[in-house]
Structure formats: structure tokens, C-alpha cells
Amino acid sequence: PGSPIYVMSDGGTNFGKLCAQEGCIFKLCPPANDRWHPWPFLHRLHEGAEALGTEYVIMLEPDNTIHSHVKRPPKADAGGLPVKDRKFGYRDFVEKQAQERKPGFKWTDRAMSAGLAGGAYFKTSAILDAFSDESVSKFDWNWIAEHATKEVYSSDFAMQYLLAARGYEIEPWDECAQMDKDKVKVHSGAQDA
């Protein structure tokens, strides 16, 4: 309660009147097919973080619901839905890039198990650095494209690679959960999320 809200619509519904009434910030962006090209998404998240000016940003998507206030405060630079047994490839490639900003950085299995989708949190300073146009263009997308699958271009995966390549700490966050076919039983995450 009382936290600023930034609503962005990517070529869809204009929520300008609602935000004017509710006191939130609204940005209507042109449509972008960013499912397999992460730059428009990252740029919009960067703009939102700048506009909010808060210490952390919690990213929500249209299929997210909020059930209470935050009970487990963020502890890392980014955190998201716990995804059991998920790992990303090319750890050495990413860790090598991270040494410039954070010598000794290790991209851990625990970090990789954080799903950075709707419900994820990010430290604003991490967004402003790792998702800046400069950092996104500096990342070696050509190398990763030659070695990884196309999923690396999905924003959920691209954010992991970019944050880790800049040496940011990522962890699963039990404040978010994913439901599946049962609206009561949690599929992934904490039952009381």
C-alpha cells in the first residue's frame, strides 16, 4: 500500500484515464514482437524503473494476482519464482563477463533456479545497469546465439544472462508462486505466497 505503480501497455489497452484516477504512472508503448527479441522489453522495464525511482521494482504481468502485502522482503539484486532443477548453459561465458564489475562472481545453480517472470523483483540499480542500452549491446549476443537455443532471447532467460553477466545476485523468492490446474494447490513456490 502506498507504493508507486507504473502501468505499461505494449500497443494494447490505454489505461491513461484509469491511472489518472488512481494516481499511477501510465505509458502506452508501440507494439513490439519481443517474445524472441528482448531489447524492447528490457528497455521498457528500464524506463519503468527510472520513472518509479524506488529501491526495488516488482514486475507484474497480466496473469499475475496479488494476495497480500510482501511478507518476505527481497534479499538479492533480483529474485523470482522458484523453478526446480532449472539451469542455464554457458556458465563460464557469463562468469567471465561478470569479472569486470564483480571479481570472483559465480553464477550459482540457486541463482539459475529463479524464474524472472511476472512476480519477480529487481533492485532498481540492477535494472538501470544490466538492462541499460549500453549493457544490452555490450553483451555478446552473437556468441550466445551460436551456442545456445533461441530461448535465450526470451525476456525471462535474457534477464538471467544479463544480470549474471554484470555480477548481480539472483535467488528464488518464496513470495511468488505458480498455480497450474488447481487454483488452491501451488505448483511451484510457497503455499502462503
C-alpha atoms as a PDB file:
ATOM      1  CA  PRO A   1       0.000   0.000   0.000  1.00  0.00           C
ATOM      2  CA  GLY A   2       1.221   3.445  -0.874  1.00  0.00           C
ATOM      3  CA  SER A   3       3.907   2.222  -3.271  1.00  0.00           C
ATOM      4  CA  PRO A   4       4.017   3.895  -6.666  1.00  0.00           C
ATOM      5  CA  ILE A   5       2.575   1.934  -9.596  1.00  0.00           C
ATOM      6  CA  TYR A   6       3.780   2.092 -13.202  1.00  0.00           C
ATOM      7  CA  VAL A   7       1.485   0.582 -15.833  1.00  0.00           C
ATOM      8  CA  MET A   8       2.835  -0.058 -19.314  1.00  0.00           C
ATOM      9  CA  SER A   9       0.746  -1.262 -22.228  1.00  0.00           C
ATOM     10  CA  ASP A  10       2.606  -2.528 -25.279  1.00  0.00           C
ATOM     11  CA  GLY A  11       0.248  -1.492 -28.018  1.00  0.00           C
ATOM     12  CA  GLY A  12      -2.796  -2.757 -26.152  1.00  0.00           C
ATOM     13  CA  THR A  13      -5.336  -1.061 -23.925  1.00  0.00           C
ATOM     14  CA  ASN A  14      -4.835   2.572 -22.969  1.00  0.00           C
ATOM     15  CA  PHE A  15      -5.051   2.778 -19.161  1.00  0.00           C
ATOM     16  CA  GLY A  16      -4.343   6.531 -19.086  1.00  0.00           C
ATOM     17  CA  LYS A  17      -7.742   7.528 -17.647  1.00  0.00           C
ATOM     18  CA  LEU A  18      -7.624   4.775 -15.009  1.00  0.00           C
ATOM     19  CA  CYS A  19      -4.109   5.772 -13.944  1.00  0.00           C
ATOM     20  CA  ALA A  20      -5.091   9.441 -13.785  1.00  0.00           C
ATOM     21  CA  GLN A  21      -7.962   8.456 -11.488  1.00  0.00           C
ATOM     22  CA  GLU A  22      -5.895   6.040  -9.355  1.00  0.00           C
ATOM     23  CA  GLY A  23      -2.687   8.086  -9.224  1.00  0.00           C
ATOM     24  CA  CYS A  24      -0.416   5.679 -11.079  1.00  0.00           C
ATOM     25  CA  ILE A  25       2.025   6.356 -13.913  1.00  0.00           C
ATOM     26  CA  PHE A  26       0.932   5.142 -17.347  1.00  0.00           C
ATOM     27  CA  LYS A  27       2.948   4.636 -20.521  1.00  0.00           C
ATOM     28  CA  LEU A  28       1.398   3.483 -23.807  1.00  0.00           C
ATOM     29  CA  CYS A  29       4.152   1.993 -25.955  1.00  0.00           C
ATOM     30  CA  PRO A  30       4.045   0.942 -29.590  1.00  0.00           C
ATOM     31  CA  PRO A  31       3.561  -2.785 -30.131  1.00  0.00           C
ATOM     32  CA  ALA A  32       6.715  -4.875 -30.281  1.00  0.00           C
ATOM     33  CA  ASN A  33       7.131  -8.551 -31.012  1.00  0.00           C
ATOM     34  CA  ASP A  34       9.581  -9.021 -28.156  1.00  0.00           C
ATOM     35  CA  ARG A  35       8.991 -12.680 -27.405  1.00  0.00           C
ATOM     36  CA  TRP A  36      12.237 -13.584 -29.189  1.00  0.00           C
ATOM     37  CA  HIS A  37      13.904 -10.164 -29.193  1.00  0.00           C
ATOM     38  CA  PRO A  38      14.414  -8.946 -25.625  1.00  0.00           C
ATOM     39  CA  TRP A  39      15.550  -5.358 -26.206  1.00  0.00           C
ATOM     40  CA  PRO A  40      12.073  -3.689 -26.331  1.00  0.00           C
ATOM     41  CA  PHE A  41      11.052  -5.470 -23.126  1.00  0.00           C
ATOM     42  CA  LEU A  42      14.297  -4.627 -21.322  1.00  0.00           C
ATOM     43  CA  HIS A  43      14.140  -1.011 -22.472  1.00  0.00           C
ATOM     44  CA  ARG A  44      10.565  -0.672 -21.178  1.00  0.00           C
ATOM     45  CA  LEU A  45      11.481  -2.202 -17.813  1.00  0.00           C
ATOM     46  CA  HIS A  46      14.423   0.217 -17.614  1.00  0.00           C
ATOM     47  CA  GLU A  47      12.105   3.178 -18.352  1.00  0.00           C
ATOM     48  CA  GLY A  48       9.634   1.988 -15.719  1.00  0.00           C
ATOM     49  CA  ALA A  49      12.351   1.666 -13.066  1.00  0.00           C
ATOM     50  CA  GLU A  50      13.561   5.185 -13.851  1.00  0.00           C
ATOM     51  CA  ALA A  51      10.026   6.575 -13.613  1.00  0.00           C
ATOM     52  CA  LEU A  52       9.285   4.850 -10.299  1.00  0.00           C
ATOM     53  CA  GLY A  53      12.508   5.867  -8.559  1.00  0.00           C
ATOM     54  CA  THR A  54      12.079   3.165  -5.899  1.00  0.00           C
ATOM     55  CA  GLU A  55      14.704   0.866  -4.384  1.00  0.00           C
ATOM     56  CA  TYR A  56      13.031  -2.258  -5.820  1.00  0.00           C
ATOM     57  CA  VAL A  57      10.597  -2.970  -8.644  1.00  0.00           C
ATOM     58  CA  ILE A  58       8.157  -5.883  -8.587  1.00  0.00           C
ATOM     59  CA  MET A  59       7.222  -6.777 -12.133  1.00  0.00           C
ATOM     60  CA  LEU A  60       3.690  -7.996 -12.676  1.00  0.00           C
ATOM     61  CA  GLU A  61       2.198  -9.383 -15.860  1.00  0.00           C
ATOM     62  CA  PRO A  62      -1.468  -9.626 -16.925  1.00  0.00           C
ATOM     63  CA  ASP A  63      -1.838 -13.145 -15.496  1.00  0.00           C
ATOM     64  CA  ASN A  64      -0.500 -12.250 -12.021  1.00  0.00           C
ATOM     65  CA  THR A  65      -2.610 -11.713  -8.928  1.00  0.00           C
ATOM     66  CA  ILE A  66      -1.649 -10.108  -5.629  1.00  0.00           C
ATOM     67  CA  HIS A  67      -2.998 -11.689  -2.444  1.00  0.00           C
ATOM     68  CA  SER A  68      -1.347  -9.677   0.340  1.00  0.00           C
ATOM     69  CA  HIS A  69       1.478  -7.317   1.223  1.00  0.00           C
ATOM     70  CA  VAL A  70       5.093  -8.521   0.837  1.00  0.00           C
ATOM     71  CA  LYS A  71       5.871 -10.866   3.748  1.00  0.00           C
ATOM     72  CA  ARG A  72       9.396 -11.844   2.648  1.00  0.00           C
ATOM     73  CA  PRO A  73      11.444  -8.751   1.769  1.00  0.00           C
ATOM     74  CA  PRO A  74      13.881  -9.059  -1.136  1.00  0.00           C
ATOM     75  CA  LYS A  75      17.412 -10.124  -0.165  1.00  0.00           C
ATOM     76  CA  ALA A  76      19.234 -10.191  -3.523  1.00  0.00           C
ATOM     77  CA  ASP A  77      19.544  -7.960  -6.568  1.00  0.00           C
ATOM     78  CA  ALA A  78      16.762  -9.936  -8.272  1.00  0.00           C
ATOM     79  CA  GLY A  79      14.505 -12.823  -7.364  1.00  0.00           C
ATOM     80  CA  GLY A  80      11.619 -14.747  -8.784  1.00  0.00           C
ATOM     81  CA  LEU A  81       9.530 -17.852  -8.886  1.00  0.00           C
ATOM     82  CA  PRO A  82      11.403 -20.951  -7.676  1.00  0.00           C
ATOM     83  CA  VAL A  83      11.856 -23.270 -10.693  1.00  0.00           C
ATOM     84  CA  LYS A  84      13.087 -26.664  -9.518  1.00  0.00           C
ATOM     85  CA  ASP A  85      16.148 -28.118 -11.249  1.00  0.00           C
ATOM     86  CA  ARG A  86      16.452 -25.346 -13.849  1.00  0.00           C
ATOM     87  CA  LYS A  87      19.936 -24.499 -15.064  1.00  0.00           C
ATOM     88  CA  PHE A  88      21.295 -22.306 -17.823  1.00  0.00           C
ATOM     89  CA  GLY A  89      24.163 -23.201 -20.109  1.00  0.00           C
ATOM     90  CA  TYR A  90      27.400 -21.348 -20.686  1.00  0.00           C
ATOM     91  CA  ARG A  91      28.134 -20.513 -17.064  1.00  0.00           C
ATOM     92  CA  ASP A  92      31.828 -19.881 -17.838  1.00  0.00           C
ATOM     93  CA  PHE A  93      30.931 -17.434 -20.634  1.00  0.00           C
ATOM     94  CA  VAL A  94      28.702 -15.425 -18.285  1.00  0.00           C
ATOM     95  CA  GLU A  95      31.023 -15.554 -15.252  1.00  0.00           C
ATOM     96  CA  LYS A  96      33.936 -14.315 -17.367  1.00  0.00           C
ATOM     97  CA  GLN A  97      31.947 -11.200 -18.327  1.00  0.00           C
ATOM     98  CA  ALA A  98      30.897 -10.605 -14.708  1.00  0.00           C
ATOM     99  CA  GLN A  99      34.504 -10.326 -13.507  1.00  0.00           C
ATOM    100  CA  GLU A 100      34.734  -6.777 -14.881  1.00  0.00           C
ATOM    101  CA  ARG A 101      32.117  -5.482 -12.447  1.00  0.00           C
ATOM    102  CA  LYS A 102      32.328  -8.086  -9.676  1.00  0.00           C
ATOM    103  CA  PRO A 103      35.587 -10.070  -9.452  1.00  0.00           C
ATOM    104  CA  GLY A 104      35.066 -13.604  -8.151  1.00  0.00           C
ATOM    105  CA  PHE A 105      31.379 -13.711  -9.148  1.00  0.00           C
ATOM    106  CA  LYS A 106      29.842 -17.162  -9.517  1.00  0.00           C
ATOM    107  CA  TRP A 107      26.524 -17.805 -11.285  1.00  0.00           C
ATOM    108  CA  THR A 108      25.144 -20.459  -8.955  1.00  0.00           C
ATOM    109  CA  ASP A 109      22.597 -23.197  -9.569  1.00  0.00           C
ATOM    110  CA  ARG A 110      20.435 -21.489  -6.930  1.00  0.00           C
ATOM    111  CA  ALA A 111      20.520 -18.232  -8.897  1.00  0.00           C
ATOM    112  CA  MET A 112      19.580 -20.043 -12.095  1.00  0.00           C
ATOM    113  CA  SER A 113      16.529 -21.573 -10.410  1.00  0.00           C
ATOM    114  CA  ALA A 114      14.866 -18.152 -10.030  1.00  0.00           C
ATOM    115  CA  GLY A 115      12.200 -17.584 -12.665  1.00  0.00           C
ATOM    116  CA  LEU A 116      12.386 -13.916 -13.630  1.00  0.00           C
ATOM    117  CA  ALA A 117       8.844 -13.620 -14.943  1.00  0.00           C
ATOM    118  CA  GLY A 118       5.716 -11.990 -13.530  1.00  0.00           C
ATOM    119  CA  GLY A 119       6.030 -11.643  -9.766  1.00  0.00           C
ATOM    120  CA  ALA A 120       9.806 -11.219  -9.872  1.00  0.00           C
ATOM    121  CA  TYR A 121      11.570  -8.401  -8.058  1.00  0.00           C
ATOM    122  CA  PHE A 122      14.585  -6.395  -9.155  1.00  0.00           C
ATOM    123  CA  LYS A 123      16.762  -3.877  -7.389  1.00  0.00           C
ATOM    124  CA  THR A 124      16.358  -0.682  -9.400  1.00  0.00           C
ATOM    125  CA  SER A 125      20.118  -0.122  -9.540  1.00  0.00           C
ATOM    126  CA  ALA A 126      20.494  -3.590 -11.145  1.00  0.00           C
ATOM    127  CA  ILE A 127      17.850  -2.785 -13.777  1.00  0.00           C
ATOM    128  CA  LEU A 128      19.427   0.572 -14.585  1.00  0.00           C
ATOM    129  CA  ASP A 129      22.828  -1.051 -15.077  1.00  0.00           C
ATOM    130  CA  ALA A 130      22.243  -4.545 -16.519  1.00  0.00           C
ATOM    131  CA  PHE A 131      19.289  -3.576 -18.739  1.00  0.00           C
ATOM    132  CA  SER A 132      20.721  -0.270 -19.954  1.00  0.00           C
ATOM    133  CA  ASP A 133      21.106   0.044 -23.718  1.00  0.00           C
ATOM    134  CA  GLU A 134      24.878   0.062 -23.202  1.00  0.00           C
ATOM    135  CA  SER A 135      24.941  -3.211 -21.207  1.00  0.00           C
ATOM    136  CA  VAL A 136      22.463  -4.939 -23.517  1.00  0.00           C
ATOM    137  CA  SER A 137      24.509  -4.011 -26.587  1.00  0.00           C
ATOM    138  CA  LYS A 138      27.807  -4.937 -24.877  1.00  0.00           C
ATOM    139  CA  PHE A 139      26.613  -8.494 -24.136  1.00  0.00           C
ATOM    140  CA  ASP A 140      27.927 -10.889 -26.790  1.00  0.00           C
ATOM    141  CA  TRP A 141      24.581 -11.918 -28.316  1.00  0.00           C
ATOM    142  CA  ASN A 142      26.306 -13.291 -31.422  1.00  0.00           C
ATOM    143  CA  TRP A 143      28.349 -15.771 -29.362  1.00  0.00           C
ATOM    144  CA  ILE A 144      25.362 -16.893 -27.313  1.00  0.00           C
ATOM    145  CA  ALA A 145      23.232 -17.214 -30.477  1.00  0.00           C
ATOM    146  CA  GLU A 146      25.787 -19.566 -31.992  1.00  0.00           C
ATOM    147  CA  HIS A 147      25.895 -21.789 -28.888  1.00  0.00           C
ATOM    148  CA  ALA A 148      22.539 -21.618 -27.090  1.00  0.00           C
ATOM    149  CA  THR A 149      18.961 -22.236 -28.131  1.00  0.00           C
ATOM    150  CA  LYS A 150      16.584 -19.469 -29.199  1.00  0.00           C
ATOM    151  CA  GLU A 151      15.131 -19.404 -25.657  1.00  0.00           C
ATOM    152  CA  VAL A 152      17.992 -17.131 -24.610  1.00  0.00           C
ATOM    153  CA  TYR A 153      16.118 -14.368 -26.462  1.00  0.00           C
ATOM    154  CA  SER A 154      13.005 -14.774 -24.317  1.00  0.00           C
ATOM    155  CA  SER A 155      12.974 -11.990 -21.716  1.00  0.00           C
ATOM    156  CA  ASP A 156      12.752 -14.482 -18.818  1.00  0.00           C
ATOM    157  CA  PHE A 157      16.050 -16.049 -19.911  1.00  0.00           C
ATOM    158  CA  ALA A 158      17.729 -12.909 -21.276  1.00  0.00           C
ATOM    159  CA  MET A 159      17.311 -11.163 -17.907  1.00  0.00           C
ATOM    160  CA  GLN A 160      19.117 -14.021 -16.130  1.00  0.00           C
ATOM    161  CA  TYR A 161      22.037 -13.865 -18.573  1.00  0.00           C
ATOM    162  CA  LEU A 162      22.311 -10.060 -18.468  1.00  0.00           C
ATOM    163  CA  LEU A 163      22.110  -9.791 -14.671  1.00  0.00           C
ATOM    164  CA  ALA A 164      24.631 -12.599 -14.168  1.00  0.00           C
ATOM    165  CA  ALA A 165      26.969 -11.155 -16.815  1.00  0.00           C
ATOM    166  CA  ARG A 166      27.079  -7.970 -14.720  1.00  0.00           C
ATOM    167  CA  GLY A 167      27.648  -9.927 -11.474  1.00  0.00           C
ATOM    168  CA  TYR A 168      24.263  -9.395  -9.840  1.00  0.00           C
ATOM    169  CA  GLU A 169      22.979 -11.824  -7.216  1.00  0.00           C
ATOM    170  CA  ILE A 170      19.767 -13.655  -8.147  1.00  0.00           C
ATOM    171  CA  GLU A 171      17.757 -16.032  -5.984  1.00  0.00           C
ATOM    172  CA  PRO A 172      14.391 -17.770  -5.837  1.00  0.00           C
ATOM    173  CA  TRP A 173      11.777 -15.728  -3.964  1.00  0.00           C
ATOM    174  CA  ASP A 174       9.155 -17.574  -1.951  1.00  0.00           C
ATOM    175  CA  GLU A 175       6.912 -14.527  -2.122  1.00  0.00           C
ATOM    176  CA  CYS A 176       5.631 -15.680  -5.502  1.00  0.00           C
ATOM    177  CA  ALA A 177       4.047 -18.936  -6.549  1.00  0.00           C
ATOM    178  CA  GLN A 178       2.710 -20.508  -9.708  1.00  0.00           C
ATOM    179  CA  MET A 179      -0.565 -22.334  -9.906  1.00  0.00           C
ATOM    180  CA  ASP A 180      -1.310 -24.960 -12.522  1.00  0.00           C
ATOM    181  CA  LYS A 181      -4.589 -26.816 -12.932  1.00  0.00           C
ATOM    182  CA  ASP A 182      -5.602 -26.475  -9.279  1.00  0.00           C
ATOM    183  CA  LYS A 183      -6.400 -22.936  -8.093  1.00  0.00           C
ATOM    184  CA  VAL A 184      -5.659 -23.903  -4.468  1.00  0.00           C
ATOM    185  CA  LYS A 185      -2.624 -26.188  -4.744  1.00  0.00           C
ATOM    186  CA  VAL A 186       0.646 -24.427  -5.587  1.00  0.00           C
ATOM    187  CA  HIS A 187       2.614 -25.938  -8.482  1.00  0.00           C
ATOM    188  CA  SER A 188       5.842 -24.041  -7.714  1.00  0.00           C
ATOM    189  CA  GLY A 189       6.754 -21.727  -4.839  1.00  0.00           C
ATOM    190  CA  ALA A 190       5.458 -21.319  -1.310  1.00  0.00           C
ATOM    191  CA  GLN A 191       1.874 -22.254  -0.453  1.00  0.00           C
ATOM    192  CA  ASP A 192       1.451 -18.995   1.508  1.00  0.00           C
ATOM    193  CA  ALA A 193       2.811 -16.743  -1.246  1.00  0.00           C
END
